[in-house]
């Protein structure tokens, strides 16, 4: 006659938790700063205008053409760079350039 199954006993965590953590203030070298002027956007831009991407980022300093605008909390534009890549950029980070400048 088969016997009963034995109950499996799992060991408990024997480490003490230690004292409570003090209030922790997070400071990082990667802290983000928010440009409040970005919400205003840049006036005088239109679809088809040639612009230079300013600020920081992957396509910084590259010339592009505005394809369309997106208006929200921070106005932005979709631009096509001279390399053929499309990117959404805040309008405050666009600087108009003339058709003869590169």
N, C-alpha and C. Protein backbone atom coordinates (compact mmCIF):
# COMPACT_ATOMS: atom_id res chain seq x y z
N UNK A 1 0.84 -1.16 0.00
CA UNK A 1 0.00 0.00 0.00
C UNK A 1 0.90 1.25 0.00
N UNK A 2 0.70 2.15 -1.01
CA UNK A 2 1.54 3.34 -1.09
C UNK A 2 1.28 4.27 0.09
N UNK A 3 2.35 4.90 0.53
CA UNK A 3 2.24 5.83 1.65
C UNK A 3 1.85 7.23 1.20
N UNK A 4 1.67 8.06 2.15
CA UNK A 4 1.31 9.44 1.84
C UNK A 4 2.51 10.19 1.29
N UNK A 5 2.22 11.20 0.45
CA UNK A 5 3.29 12.07 -0.04
C UNK A 5 3.76 12.97 1.08
N UNK A 6 5.04 13.12 1.15
CA UNK A 6 5.57 14.02 2.17
C UNK A 6 5.43 15.46 1.73
N UNK A 7 5.16 16.33 2.68
CA UNK A 7 5.05 17.76 2.41
C UNK A 7 6.45 18.32 2.15
N UNK A 8 6.60 19.11 1.08
CA UNK A 8 7.88 19.70 0.73
C UNK A 8 8.07 20.96 1.56
N UNK A 9 9.20 21.06 2.23
CA UNK A 9 9.50 22.23 3.05
C UNK A 9 10.60 23.02 2.36
N UNK A 10 10.30 24.27 2.06
CA UNK A 10 11.27 25.15 1.42
C UNK A 10 11.94 26.00 2.48
N UNK A 11 13.27 26.17 2.38
CA UNK A 11 13.95 26.99 3.39
C UNK A 11 13.57 28.45 3.26
N UNK A 12 13.50 29.14 4.38
CA UNK A 12 13.18 30.57 4.36
C UNK A 12 14.46 31.36 4.19
N UNK A 13 14.32 32.63 3.82
CA UNK A 13 15.46 33.51 3.66
C UNK A 13 15.99 33.84 5.05
N UNK A 14 17.20 33.43 5.32
CA UNK A 14 17.73 33.62 6.66
C UNK A 14 18.51 34.93 6.81
N UNK A 15 18.62 35.71 5.72
CA UNK A 15 19.35 36.98 5.80
C UNK A 15 18.49 38.03 6.51
N UNK A 16 19.08 38.77 7.43
CA UNK A 16 18.30 39.86 8.03
C UNK A 16 18.18 41.00 7.02
N UNK A 17 17.10 41.72 7.08
CA UNK A 17 16.85 42.80 6.12
C UNK A 17 17.73 44.00 6.36
N UNK A 18 18.15 44.23 7.56
CA UNK A 18 19.00 45.37 7.84
C UNK A 18 18.19 46.60 8.16
N UNK A 19 18.88 47.72 8.41
CA UNK A 19 18.17 48.95 8.77
C UNK A 19 17.44 49.53 7.55
N UNK A 20 16.40 50.32 7.77
CA UNK A 20 15.69 50.93 6.64
C UNK A 20 16.60 51.91 5.90
N UNK A 21 16.38 52.00 4.60
CA UNK A 21 17.18 52.89 3.75
C UNK A 21 16.83 54.35 4.02
N UNK A 22 17.82 55.23 4.10
CA UNK A 22 17.50 56.65 4.26
C UNK A 22 16.91 57.20 2.96
N UNK A 23 16.29 58.37 3.07
CA UNK A 23 15.74 58.99 1.86
C UNK A 23 16.86 59.18 0.86
N UNK A 24 16.61 58.74 -0.35
CA UNK A 24 17.64 58.75 -1.39
C UNK A 24 17.33 59.84 -2.39
N UNK A 25 18.29 60.72 -2.63
CA UNK A 25 18.14 61.79 -3.61
C UNK A 25 18.91 61.35 -4.85
N UNK A 26 18.21 61.23 -5.97
CA UNK A 26 18.82 60.75 -7.20
C UNK A 26 19.52 61.90 -7.92
N UNK A 27 20.80 61.75 -8.13
CA UNK A 27 21.56 62.70 -8.93
C UNK A 27 22.31 61.91 -9.98
N UNK A 28 22.29 62.41 -11.19
CA UNK A 28 22.90 61.68 -12.29
C UNK A 28 23.61 62.66 -13.21
N UNK A 29 24.64 62.16 -13.85
CA UNK A 29 25.32 62.99 -14.84
C UNK A 29 24.52 63.03 -16.13
N UNK A 30 23.52 62.17 -16.24
CA UNK A 30 22.67 62.12 -17.43
C UNK A 30 21.36 62.87 -17.21
N UNK A 31 21.33 63.79 -16.29
CA UNK A 31 20.11 64.52 -15.98
C UNK A 31 19.63 65.28 -17.22
N UNK A 32 18.33 65.37 -17.36
CA UNK A 32 17.72 66.01 -18.52
C UNK A 32 17.36 67.44 -18.17
N UNK A 33 17.64 68.35 -19.08
CA UNK A 33 17.18 69.72 -18.91
C UNK A 33 16.12 69.99 -19.96
N UNK A 34 15.06 70.66 -19.58
CA UNK A 34 13.93 70.90 -20.47
C UNK A 34 13.99 72.35 -20.94
N UNK A 35 13.98 72.54 -22.26
CA UNK A 35 13.98 73.86 -22.85
C UNK A 35 12.54 74.35 -22.91
N UNK A 36 12.16 75.27 -22.04
CA UNK A 36 10.78 75.76 -22.00
C UNK A 36 10.44 76.61 -23.21
N UNK A 37 11.44 77.13 -23.91
CA UNK A 37 11.18 77.93 -25.11
C UNK A 37 10.77 77.06 -26.29
N UNK A 38 10.97 75.75 -26.18
CA UNK A 38 10.62 74.83 -27.27
C UNK A 38 9.12 74.81 -27.51
N UNK A 39 8.32 75.09 -26.48
CA UNK A 39 6.87 75.08 -26.63
C UNK A 39 6.39 76.22 -27.54
N UNK A 40 7.18 77.28 -27.65
CA UNK A 40 6.82 78.40 -28.52
C UNK A 40 7.05 78.06 -29.99
N UNK A 41 8.03 77.23 -30.27
CA UNK A 41 8.34 76.88 -31.65
C UNK A 41 9.10 78.00 -32.35
N UNK A 42 9.21 77.89 -33.67
CA UNK A 42 9.88 78.91 -34.47
C UNK A 42 8.92 79.36 -35.56
N UNK A 43 8.72 80.64 -35.66
CA UNK A 43 7.81 81.19 -36.66
C UNK A 43 8.55 81.36 -37.99
N UNK A 44 7.79 81.45 -39.07
CA UNK A 44 8.37 81.73 -40.38
C UNK A 44 8.82 80.51 -41.16
N UNK A 45 8.51 79.32 -40.71
CA UNK A 45 8.87 78.11 -41.45
C UNK A 45 7.66 77.61 -42.23
N UNK A 46 7.92 77.04 -43.39
CA UNK A 46 6.85 76.51 -44.23
C UNK A 46 7.30 75.18 -44.85
N UNK A 47 6.34 74.40 -45.28
CA UNK A 47 6.65 73.13 -45.94
C UNK A 47 7.45 73.41 -47.20
N UNK A 48 8.53 72.69 -47.40
CA UNK A 48 9.40 72.87 -48.56
C UNK A 48 10.60 73.74 -48.28
N UNK A 49 10.64 74.42 -47.14
CA UNK A 49 11.78 75.27 -46.80
C UNK A 49 13.02 74.43 -46.51
N UNK A 50 14.17 74.97 -46.89
CA UNK A 50 15.46 74.32 -46.54
C UNK A 50 15.87 74.84 -45.17
N UNK A 51 16.27 73.92 -44.30
CA UNK A 51 16.64 74.28 -42.94
C UNK A 51 17.91 73.52 -42.54
N UNK A 52 18.56 74.02 -41.49
CA UNK A 52 19.68 73.30 -40.89
C UNK A 52 19.24 72.87 -39.51
N UNK A 53 19.54 71.62 -39.16
CA UNK A 53 19.17 71.08 -37.85
C UNK A 53 20.22 71.53 -36.84
N UNK A 54 19.79 72.29 -35.83
CA UNK A 54 20.70 72.76 -34.79
C UNK A 54 20.47 71.94 -33.53
N UNK A 55 21.10 72.29 -32.46
CA UNK A 55 20.94 71.55 -31.22
C UNK A 55 21.83 70.33 -31.21
N UNK A 56 21.45 69.36 -30.41
CA UNK A 56 22.23 68.13 -30.32
C UNK A 56 21.44 66.98 -30.92
N UNK A 57 22.12 65.95 -31.30
CA UNK A 57 21.43 64.78 -31.84
C UNK A 57 22.16 64.19 -33.02
N UNK A 58 21.52 63.18 -33.59
CA UNK A 58 22.14 62.41 -34.65
C UNK A 58 22.40 63.24 -35.91
N UNK A 59 21.46 64.08 -36.30
CA UNK A 59 21.60 64.83 -37.55
C UNK A 59 21.93 66.30 -37.30
N UNK A 60 22.54 66.62 -36.20
CA UNK A 60 22.88 67.99 -35.86
C UNK A 60 23.82 68.59 -36.91
N UNK A 61 23.47 69.77 -37.40
CA UNK A 61 24.30 70.46 -38.38
C UNK A 61 24.01 70.08 -39.82
N UNK A 62 23.12 69.13 -40.04
CA UNK A 62 22.83 68.67 -41.41
C UNK A 62 21.70 69.49 -42.02
N UNK A 63 21.79 69.74 -43.33
CA UNK A 63 20.74 70.46 -44.04
C UNK A 63 19.59 69.50 -44.37
N UNK A 64 18.36 70.05 -44.39
CA UNK A 64 17.19 69.22 -44.64
C UNK A 64 16.09 70.06 -45.27
N UNK A 65 15.03 69.39 -45.71
CA UNK A 65 13.85 70.05 -46.29
C UNK A 65 12.64 69.65 -45.44
N UNK A 66 11.80 70.62 -45.10
CA UNK A 66 10.62 70.35 -44.27
C UNK A 66 9.57 69.65 -45.14
N UNK A 67 9.07 68.50 -44.65
CA UNK A 67 8.03 67.75 -45.36
C UNK A 67 6.64 68.02 -44.80
N UNK A 68 6.53 68.09 -43.48
CA UNK A 68 5.23 68.39 -42.86
C UNK A 68 5.44 68.85 -41.43
N UNK A 69 4.41 69.46 -40.86
CA UNK A 69 4.45 69.95 -39.49
C UNK A 69 3.56 69.11 -38.59
N UNK A 70 3.91 69.08 -37.32
CA UNK A 70 3.12 68.40 -36.30
C UNK A 70 3.00 69.37 -35.13
N UNK A 71 1.78 69.80 -34.85
CA UNK A 71 1.57 70.78 -33.79
C UNK A 71 0.98 70.08 -32.58
N UNK A 72 1.67 70.20 -31.47
CA UNK A 72 1.23 69.62 -30.21
C UNK A 72 1.73 70.51 -29.09
N UNK A 73 2.05 69.90 -27.97
CA UNK A 73 2.60 70.68 -26.85
C UNK A 73 3.91 71.33 -27.26
N UNK A 74 4.71 70.61 -28.05
CA UNK A 74 5.95 71.15 -28.60
C UNK A 74 5.88 71.02 -30.11
N UNK A 75 5.78 72.13 -30.86
CA UNK A 75 5.67 72.05 -32.31
C UNK A 75 6.90 71.39 -32.92
N UNK A 76 6.67 70.52 -33.88
CA UNK A 76 7.78 69.83 -34.53
C UNK A 76 7.49 69.72 -36.02
N UNK A 77 8.52 69.31 -36.75
CA UNK A 77 8.40 69.15 -38.20
C UNK A 77 9.11 67.86 -38.61
N UNK A 78 8.55 67.20 -39.61
CA UNK A 78 9.22 66.04 -40.19
C UNK A 78 10.06 66.58 -41.34
N UNK A 79 11.36 66.29 -41.30
CA UNK A 79 12.27 66.79 -42.32
C UNK A 79 12.95 65.62 -43.02
N UNK A 80 13.37 65.86 -44.26
CA UNK A 80 14.15 64.88 -45.02
C UNK A 80 15.54 65.46 -45.18
N UNK A 81 16.54 64.76 -44.65
CA UNK A 81 17.91 65.25 -44.71
C UNK A 81 18.48 65.04 -46.11
N UNK A 82 19.63 65.66 -46.37
CA UNK A 82 20.27 65.50 -47.68
C UNK A 82 20.70 64.06 -47.91
N UNK A 83 20.90 63.32 -46.84
CA UNK A 83 21.26 61.91 -46.94
C UNK A 83 20.06 61.02 -47.25
N UNK A 84 18.86 61.61 -47.32
CA UNK A 84 17.65 60.86 -47.65
C UNK A 84 16.92 60.29 -46.45
N UNK A 85 17.36 60.63 -45.26
CA UNK A 85 16.72 60.09 -44.06
C UNK A 85 15.66 61.06 -43.54
N UNK A 86 14.59 60.50 -43.00
CA UNK A 86 13.50 61.29 -42.46
C UNK A 86 13.64 61.35 -40.94
N UNK A 87 13.29 62.50 -40.38
CA UNK A 87 13.43 62.67 -38.93
C UNK A 87 12.45 63.72 -38.45
N UNK A 88 11.92 63.52 -37.23
CA UNK A 88 11.05 64.51 -36.62
C UNK A 88 11.91 65.38 -35.70
N UNK A 89 11.82 66.70 -35.88
CA UNK A 89 12.67 67.64 -35.16
C UNK A 89 11.80 68.75 -34.60
N UNK A 90 12.12 69.21 -33.39
CA UNK A 90 11.40 70.37 -32.83
C UNK A 90 11.66 71.57 -33.73
N UNK A 91 10.65 72.40 -33.95
CA UNK A 91 10.83 73.56 -34.82
C UNK A 91 11.82 74.54 -34.23
N UNK A 92 11.98 74.56 -32.91
CA UNK A 92 12.94 75.48 -32.30
C UNK A 92 14.37 75.06 -32.66
N UNK A 93 14.57 73.81 -33.07
CA UNK A 93 15.89 73.31 -33.46
C UNK A 93 16.13 73.40 -34.97
N UNK A 94 15.30 74.13 -35.69
CA UNK A 94 15.48 74.31 -37.13
C UNK A 94 15.88 75.74 -37.42
N UNK A 95 16.86 75.90 -38.28
CA UNK A 95 17.36 77.22 -38.65
C UNK A 95 17.22 77.36 -40.17
N UNK A 96 16.45 78.34 -40.66
CA UNK A 96 16.28 78.49 -42.11
C UNK A 96 17.60 78.79 -42.81
N UNK A 97 17.79 78.19 -43.97
CA UNK A 97 18.95 78.49 -44.81
C UNK A 97 18.44 78.79 -46.20
N UNK A 98 19.21 79.56 -46.93
CA UNK A 98 18.81 79.93 -48.29
C UNK A 98 18.95 78.76 -49.24
N UNK A 99 18.33 78.85 -50.43
CA UNK A 99 18.39 77.76 -51.39
C UNK A 99 19.79 77.53 -51.97
N UNK A 100 20.64 78.57 -51.93
CA UNK A 100 21.98 78.43 -52.52
C UNK A 100 23.03 77.98 -51.51
N UNK A 101 22.70 77.98 -50.20
CA UNK A 101 23.64 77.57 -49.17
C UNK A 101 23.50 76.08 -48.91
N UNK A 102 24.60 75.44 -48.52
CA UNK A 102 24.52 73.99 -48.22
C UNK A 102 25.04 73.67 -46.86
